[in-house]
Protein backbone atom coordinates (compact mmCIF):
# COMPACT_ATOMS: atom_id res chain seq x y z
CA MET A 1 35.58 -75.66 156.42
CA ALA A 2 39.40 -75.93 157.39
CA GLY A 3 40.84 -78.87 159.05
CA ILE A 4 43.93 -80.90 159.24
CA VAL A 5 45.36 -82.12 156.13
CA SER A 6 48.21 -84.46 157.28
CA TYR A 7 50.23 -84.54 160.35
CA GLY A 8 53.60 -85.60 161.52
CA PHE A 9 55.46 -86.75 164.62
CA TYR A 10 58.83 -87.36 166.04
CA ILE A 11 59.67 -89.51 169.17
CA PRO A 12 63.06 -90.27 170.51
CA THR A 13 64.53 -93.44 170.37
CA TYR A 14 66.11 -93.25 173.96
CA ARG A 15 63.60 -94.14 176.76
CA ILE A 16 64.14 -94.42 180.41
CA LYS A 17 61.86 -96.16 182.78
CA THR A 18 60.13 -94.61 185.70
CA GLU A 19 61.14 -97.12 188.19
CA GLU A 20 65.00 -96.49 187.14
CA ILE A 21 64.43 -93.00 188.00
CA ALA A 22 62.56 -93.99 191.25
CA HIS A 23 65.57 -96.25 191.94
CA ILE A 24 68.10 -93.47 192.11
CA TRP A 25 65.99 -91.48 194.33
CA GLY A 26 65.27 -94.15 196.78
CA LYS A 27 61.76 -93.91 195.97
CA ASN A 28 58.95 -97.11 195.84
CA PRO A 29 58.80 -97.59 191.83
CA ASP A 30 55.36 -99.31 192.36
CA HIS A 31 53.92 -96.26 194.08
CA ILE A 32 55.37 -93.60 191.51
CA LYS A 33 54.05 -95.95 188.65
CA GLU A 34 50.60 -96.21 190.43
CA SER A 35 50.37 -92.39 191.30
CA LEU A 36 51.59 -91.04 187.81
CA LYS A 37 50.44 -93.81 185.53
CA ILE A 38 53.22 -93.65 183.40
CA GLU A 39 55.52 -96.38 182.67
CA GLU A 40 58.50 -94.53 180.65
CA LYS A 41 59.24 -91.31 178.86
CA ALA A 42 61.05 -90.66 175.60
CA VAL A 43 64.68 -89.07 176.20
CA ALA A 44 66.21 -86.74 173.59
CA GLY A 45 69.44 -87.53 172.34
CA LEU A 46 72.71 -85.09 173.16
CA ASP A 47 72.16 -83.90 169.23
CA GLU A 48 68.69 -83.07 169.57
CA ASP A 49 66.65 -80.13 170.41
CA SER A 50 63.21 -78.91 170.14
CA VAL A 51 63.73 -77.68 166.55
CA SER A 52 65.51 -80.88 165.43
CA MET A 53 62.61 -82.92 166.40
CA GLY A 54 60.26 -80.08 165.03
CA TYR A 55 61.73 -80.70 161.64
CA GLU A 56 61.32 -84.25 161.74
CA ALA A 57 57.75 -83.98 162.61
CA CYS A 58 57.16 -81.22 160.01
CA SER A 59 58.93 -83.17 157.12
CA MET A 60 56.64 -86.39 157.87
CA ALA A 61 53.62 -84.00 157.70
CA ILE A 62 54.38 -82.71 154.16
CA SER A 63 56.38 -85.40 152.67
CA ASP A 64 53.41 -87.27 151.24
CA ILE A 65 51.28 -84.32 150.11
CA PRO A 66 51.25 -83.63 146.76
CA LEU A 67 51.55 -79.65 146.95
CA GLN A 68 53.91 -76.91 146.42
CA LYS A 69 55.95 -75.97 149.10
CA ASN A 70 55.60 -72.32 148.73
CA THR A 71 51.82 -72.65 149.13
CA ILE A 72 52.16 -72.96 152.88
CA LYS A 73 52.40 -69.36 153.59
CA ALA A 74 52.19 -69.64 157.59
CA LEU A 75 54.27 -71.51 159.74
CA PHE A 76 54.08 -71.53 163.47
CA PHE A 77 56.49 -73.15 166.24
CA GLY A 78 55.15 -73.58 169.42
CA SER A 79 57.37 -74.66 172.39
CA GLU A 80 58.61 -73.66 176.10
CA THR A 81 62.10 -75.27 175.39
CA PRO A 82 63.23 -73.29 172.18
CA PRO A 83 66.91 -73.40 171.54
CA TYR A 84 67.45 -69.73 171.71
CA ALA A 85 66.21 -67.08 173.88
CA VAL A 86 66.35 -64.83 171.23
CA ASN A 87 66.43 -65.91 167.43
CA PRO A 88 63.23 -67.34 166.04
CA ALA A 89 62.88 -71.33 165.57
CA SER A 90 60.20 -70.94 162.89
CA THR A 91 62.39 -69.52 160.52
CA ILE A 92 64.91 -72.19 160.63
CA LEU A 93 62.41 -74.76 160.25
CA GLY A 94 61.19 -72.94 157.10
CA GLU A 95 64.57 -72.56 155.70
CA PHE A 96 65.22 -76.37 156.19
CA LEU A 97 61.88 -77.39 154.94
CA ASP A 98 62.52 -75.20 151.81
CA ILE A 99 59.32 -73.54 151.72
CA GLY A 100 60.78 -70.30 150.39
CA HIS A 101 60.38 -67.03 151.86
CA GLU A 102 56.91 -65.64 151.33
CA TYR A 103 55.64 -66.73 154.51
CA VAL A 104 54.63 -65.43 157.79
CA ALA A 105 56.72 -66.89 160.71
CA SER A 106 55.98 -66.96 164.47
CA ASP A 107 57.15 -68.50 167.60
CA THR A 108 54.65 -69.21 170.26
CA GLN A 109 54.88 -69.73 173.93
CA PHE A 110 52.02 -70.56 176.33
CA ALA A 111 53.58 -73.66 178.29
CA CYS A 112 51.88 -76.61 177.34
CA LYS A 113 49.31 -75.23 174.70
CA ALA A 114 51.57 -73.20 172.58
CA GLY A 115 50.64 -75.60 169.81
CA THR A 116 46.90 -75.41 169.86
CA GLY A 117 47.08 -71.58 170.52
CA ALA A 118 49.03 -71.32 167.18
CA MET A 119 46.68 -73.78 165.86
CA ILE A 120 43.63 -71.29 166.30
CA SER A 121 45.73 -68.17 164.90
CA ALA A 122 46.40 -70.67 162.01
CA LEU A 123 42.75 -71.26 161.35
CA GLY A 124 42.29 -67.46 161.38
CA LEU A 125 44.48 -66.93 158.35
CA LEU A 126 42.88 -69.74 156.44
CA SER A 127 39.78 -68.77 156.83
CA SER A 128 40.60 -65.06 155.71
CA GLY A 129 42.09 -66.27 152.70
CA PHE A 130 45.57 -65.11 153.55
CA THR A 131 46.85 -68.89 152.64
CA ASP A 132 45.74 -72.04 151.56
CA TYR A 133 47.86 -73.87 153.76
CA ALA A 134 49.39 -73.44 157.46
CA LEU A 135 51.76 -75.46 158.90
CA VAL A 136 51.91 -75.77 162.99
CA CYS A 137 54.65 -77.36 164.89
CA ALA A 138 54.80 -78.20 168.64
CA ALA A 139 58.08 -79.51 170.14
CA ASP A 140 59.72 -79.64 173.39
CA LYS A 141 62.71 -81.23 175.06
CA ALA A 142 62.04 -82.14 178.57
CA THR A 143 63.56 -79.81 181.28
CA GLY A 144 62.50 -81.31 184.51
CA LYS A 145 64.52 -80.71 187.68
CA PRO A 146 66.06 -83.59 189.26
CA HIS A 147 64.14 -84.98 191.98
CA ASP A 148 61.10 -83.30 190.69
CA ALA A 149 57.91 -84.84 190.02
CA LEU A 150 58.80 -83.64 186.21
CA GLU A 151 61.71 -85.66 185.92
CA TYR A 152 59.24 -88.78 185.82
CA THR A 153 56.46 -87.23 183.50
CA ALA A 154 58.44 -84.66 181.44
CA GLY A 155 59.59 -86.27 178.15
CA SER A 156 60.61 -85.20 174.66
CA GLY A 157 58.83 -85.47 171.46
CA ALA A 158 57.55 -83.37 168.55
CA THR A 159 53.92 -83.05 166.34
CA ALA A 160 53.06 -80.93 163.23
CA PHE A 161 49.80 -80.52 161.74
CA LEU A 162 49.24 -79.33 158.00
CA LEU A 163 46.05 -77.44 158.15
CA GLY A 164 44.14 -76.29 155.02
CA LYS A 165 40.59 -76.44 153.56
CA GLU A 166 40.96 -79.29 150.76
CA ASN A 167 41.53 -83.07 151.13
CA CYS A 168 41.30 -82.98 154.94
CA LEU A 169 41.56 -86.02 157.15
CA ALA A 170 39.45 -84.53 159.76
CA HIS A 171 37.68 -81.12 159.58
CA ILE A 172 37.77 -78.57 162.58
CA VAL A 173 34.23 -78.12 163.24
CA ALA A 174 34.45 -75.72 166.16
CA TYR A 175 36.89 -74.24 168.67
CA ASP A 176 36.87 -72.17 171.76
CA SER A 177 39.37 -71.04 174.65
CA PHE A 178 39.39 -70.28 178.30
CA SER A 179 42.25 -68.12 179.92
CA SER A 180 43.08 -66.46 183.27
CA ASP A 181 46.12 -65.31 185.26
CA THR A 182 46.78 -68.54 187.27
CA PRO A 183 50.77 -68.80 187.79
CA ASP A 184 50.89 -72.44 188.43
CA PHE A 185 54.00 -73.28 186.35
CA TRP A 186 56.84 -70.80 185.48
CA ARG A 187 60.56 -70.66 184.47
CA ARG A 188 62.55 -66.96 184.85
CA GLU A 189 65.01 -65.80 182.30
CA GLY A 190 68.23 -67.62 183.20
CA ILE A 191 67.04 -70.23 185.21
CA ARG A 192 67.48 -73.86 183.98
CA HIS A 193 64.39 -75.76 185.05
CA PRO A 194 61.02 -74.80 185.48
CA SER A 195 59.39 -74.47 188.85
CA HIS A 196 55.39 -75.45 189.67
CA GLY A 197 52.73 -74.84 192.49
CA GLY A 198 52.79 -78.87 193.03
CA ARG A 199 49.07 -79.71 193.93
CA PHE A 200 47.97 -76.19 192.88
CA THR A 201 48.63 -77.27 189.42
CA GLY A 202 45.65 -79.58 189.65
CA LYS A 203 42.36 -78.10 190.78
CA PRO A 204 42.59 -74.55 190.11
CA SER A 205 44.48 -74.68 187.32
CA TYR A 206 44.41 -77.84 184.93
CA PHE A 207 40.79 -79.07 186.08
CA PHE A 208 39.35 -75.68 186.16
CA HIS A 209 40.41 -74.37 182.83
CA ILE A 210 39.76 -77.67 180.90
CA ARG A 211 36.46 -78.05 182.30
CA SER A 212 35.62 -74.47 181.62
CA ALA A 213 36.64 -74.53 177.93
CA THR A 214 34.95 -77.96 177.28
CA GLN A 215 31.70 -76.91 178.87
CA ASN A 216 31.64 -73.53 176.89
CA LEU A 217 32.11 -75.25 173.73
CA LEU A 218 29.71 -78.14 174.28
CA LYS A 219 27.01 -75.19 175.20
CA LYS A 220 28.16 -73.35 172.19
CA THR A 221 27.69 -75.99 169.72
CA GLY A 222 24.76 -78.05 171.20
CA MET A 223 26.45 -81.16 171.66
CA LYS A 224 27.11 -83.57 174.44
CA PRO A 225 29.99 -86.06 175.35
CA ASP A 226 28.22 -89.08 173.86
CA ASP A 227 28.25 -87.39 170.52
CA PHE A 228 32.07 -88.25 170.26
CA ALA A 229 33.70 -91.19 169.53
CA TYR A 230 36.95 -90.27 171.25
CA GLY A 231 37.92 -87.48 174.09
CA VAL A 232 41.38 -86.58 174.23
CA PHE A 233 42.64 -84.05 177.22
CA HIS A 234 46.11 -82.88 178.18
CA MET A 235 48.38 -85.27 179.48
CA PRO A 236 50.45 -84.10 182.43
CA ASN A 237 50.36 -87.62 183.72
CA GLY A 238 48.09 -90.89 183.05
CA LYS A 239 45.54 -89.84 185.95
CA PHE A 240 44.47 -86.21 185.02
CA PRO A 241 43.17 -86.94 181.65
CA LEU A 242 40.79 -89.63 182.98
CA GLU A 243 39.52 -87.87 186.28
CA VAL A 244 38.57 -84.42 184.03
CA GLY A 245 37.03 -86.31 180.99
CA ILE A 246 34.95 -88.49 183.41
CA SER A 247 33.75 -85.47 185.64
CA LEU A 248 32.69 -83.86 182.39
CA GLY A 249 30.59 -86.67 181.38
CA PHE A 250 32.82 -88.88 179.10
CA THR A 251 33.64 -92.52 179.35
CA SER A 252 36.72 -94.15 180.04
CA SER A 253 36.67 -96.06 176.76
CA GLN A 254 36.30 -92.75 175.17
CA ILE A 255 39.52 -91.32 176.73
CA GLU A 256 41.73 -94.65 177.11
CA PRO A 257 42.91 -94.49 173.34
CA SER A 258 44.64 -91.33 173.50
CA LEU A 259 46.44 -92.68 176.73
CA VAL A 260 48.85 -94.68 174.85
CA VAL A 261 50.82 -91.54 174.86
CA THR A 262 51.49 -91.26 178.55
CA GLU A 263 53.48 -94.73 178.46
CA LEU A 264 55.99 -92.16 177.14
CA GLY A 265 55.46 -89.39 179.59
CA ASN A 266 54.21 -85.88 178.82
CA SER A 267 56.37 -84.19 176.27
CA TYR A 268 55.10 -80.50 177.44
CA THR A 269 53.69 -78.80 174.42
CA ALA A 270 53.42 -81.71 172.05
CA SER A 271 51.37 -83.62 174.73
CA ALA A 272 47.99 -83.16 174.15
CA LEU A 273 48.61 -82.94 170.46
CA MET A 274 50.58 -86.33 170.43
CA GLY A 275 47.26 -87.82 172.06
CA LEU A 276 45.25 -86.42 169.01
CA ILE A 277 47.62 -88.57 166.68
CA ALA A 278 46.97 -91.41 168.74
CA VAL A 279 43.24 -91.23 168.20
CA LEU A 280 43.37 -90.04 164.63
CA GLU A 281 45.18 -93.41 163.84
CA LYS A 282 41.94 -95.20 165.07
CA VAL A 283 38.94 -92.92 164.35
CA LYS A 284 36.77 -93.80 161.48
CA PRO A 285 34.94 -91.57 158.97
CA GLY A 286 32.14 -89.39 160.21
CA GLU A 287 33.09 -90.17 164.10
CA LYS A 288 33.70 -86.96 165.86
CA ILE A 289 36.94 -86.18 168.44
CA PHE A 290 36.65 -83.83 171.41
CA PHE A 291 40.15 -82.36 172.25
CA ALA A 292 41.08 -80.09 174.86
CA SER A 293 44.89 -78.80 175.50
CA TYR A 294 46.18 -77.12 178.90
CA GLY A 295 48.91 -74.34 179.18
CA SER A 296 49.96 -73.34 182.76
CA GLY A 297 49.45 -69.45 183.04
CA ALA A 298 46.80 -70.66 182.39
CA GLY A 299 44.24 -71.51 179.57
CA SER A 300 42.64 -74.28 177.75
CA ASP A 301 41.79 -74.56 173.87
CA ALA A 302 39.08 -76.76 173.19
CA PHE A 303 38.26 -78.19 169.58
CA ILE A 304 35.59 -80.50 168.08
CA LEU A 305 36.97 -82.68 164.99
CA GLU A 306 35.19 -84.87 162.54
CA ALA A 307 36.90 -87.33 160.43
CA THR A 308 36.48 -87.38 156.89
CA ALA A 309 36.50 -90.16 154.21
CA ASP A 310 40.01 -89.37 153.55
CA ILE A 311 41.25 -90.48 157.06
CA GLY A 312 42.06 -94.13 156.33
CA SER A 313 44.85 -93.31 153.57
CA LYS A 314 46.56 -90.88 155.65
CA ARG A 315 47.56 -92.47 158.73
CA LYS A 316 51.26 -92.78 159.59
CA GLY A 317 51.43 -96.16 161.84
CA PHE A 318 51.84 -93.85 165.20
CA ARG A 319 51.69 -97.08 167.34
CA SER A 320 54.83 -98.82 165.70
CA PHE A 321 56.95 -95.77 166.43
CA ILE A 322 56.26 -95.95 170.21
CA GLN A 323 57.27 -99.44 170.76
């Protein structure tokens, strides 16, 4: 059974409080914080982009694993803010990670679920025997338009997951996807900032797709929300994950451990995966995690993971990095 062998993450040093942004625009900071449930966001430095942050996350993921780098035959980079419009970022990562040249490289984009879509592709390559290990990176540098809601919520950061079949810290027991043509968020070529459909991004988009993917996977596996120690749902803000999870039968105590990530704001593609890392730092052997991402456009990928006996020895001290 394939699963997560190791993981890594990167969070920029710089932070900005939501109240500081609110003051600039003459908004009530208490109202903003109550509405979004976000305290601050991580801000990339002038010399950082999605690839440089992705490199840091990938380096952490493979630095303490005893493997030959050239056994990684698949490398995926998921982002909606790549540094180049034409030029793969995955090969830049492969070069700087020194994994050789005999690997398949692919850049993926599907708004905030570009990383989980790549993860499903990587699982297919693992199950086919094409590779023993696959590295999946998701990273974004915030590009929210000034005076837009995204200015408060869109942070910067990166996650990376080394997937394989042996020495897993968590097995991926099952997964499923739900997709539709729902254009709730977009950015045309040459346009600097993304646009979105306001409240339209909630009910017909985020909630519909996550509920559908979750319900389909639970039905497929015959499992129920109370079979899980944790529920992780995509975090465009601090309210939506709780609302969608509770509507599906999960409790706030199952969902809240992942919401430590919302203190930093949503980092686009890395958002849900950063929440997954937050609970991988807490889950006990044998406990299960339900995880669902969301990407505008629109779709949701849902996963069921089960922690192994190796989980305790492979933690990375995530909480110390968000202080």
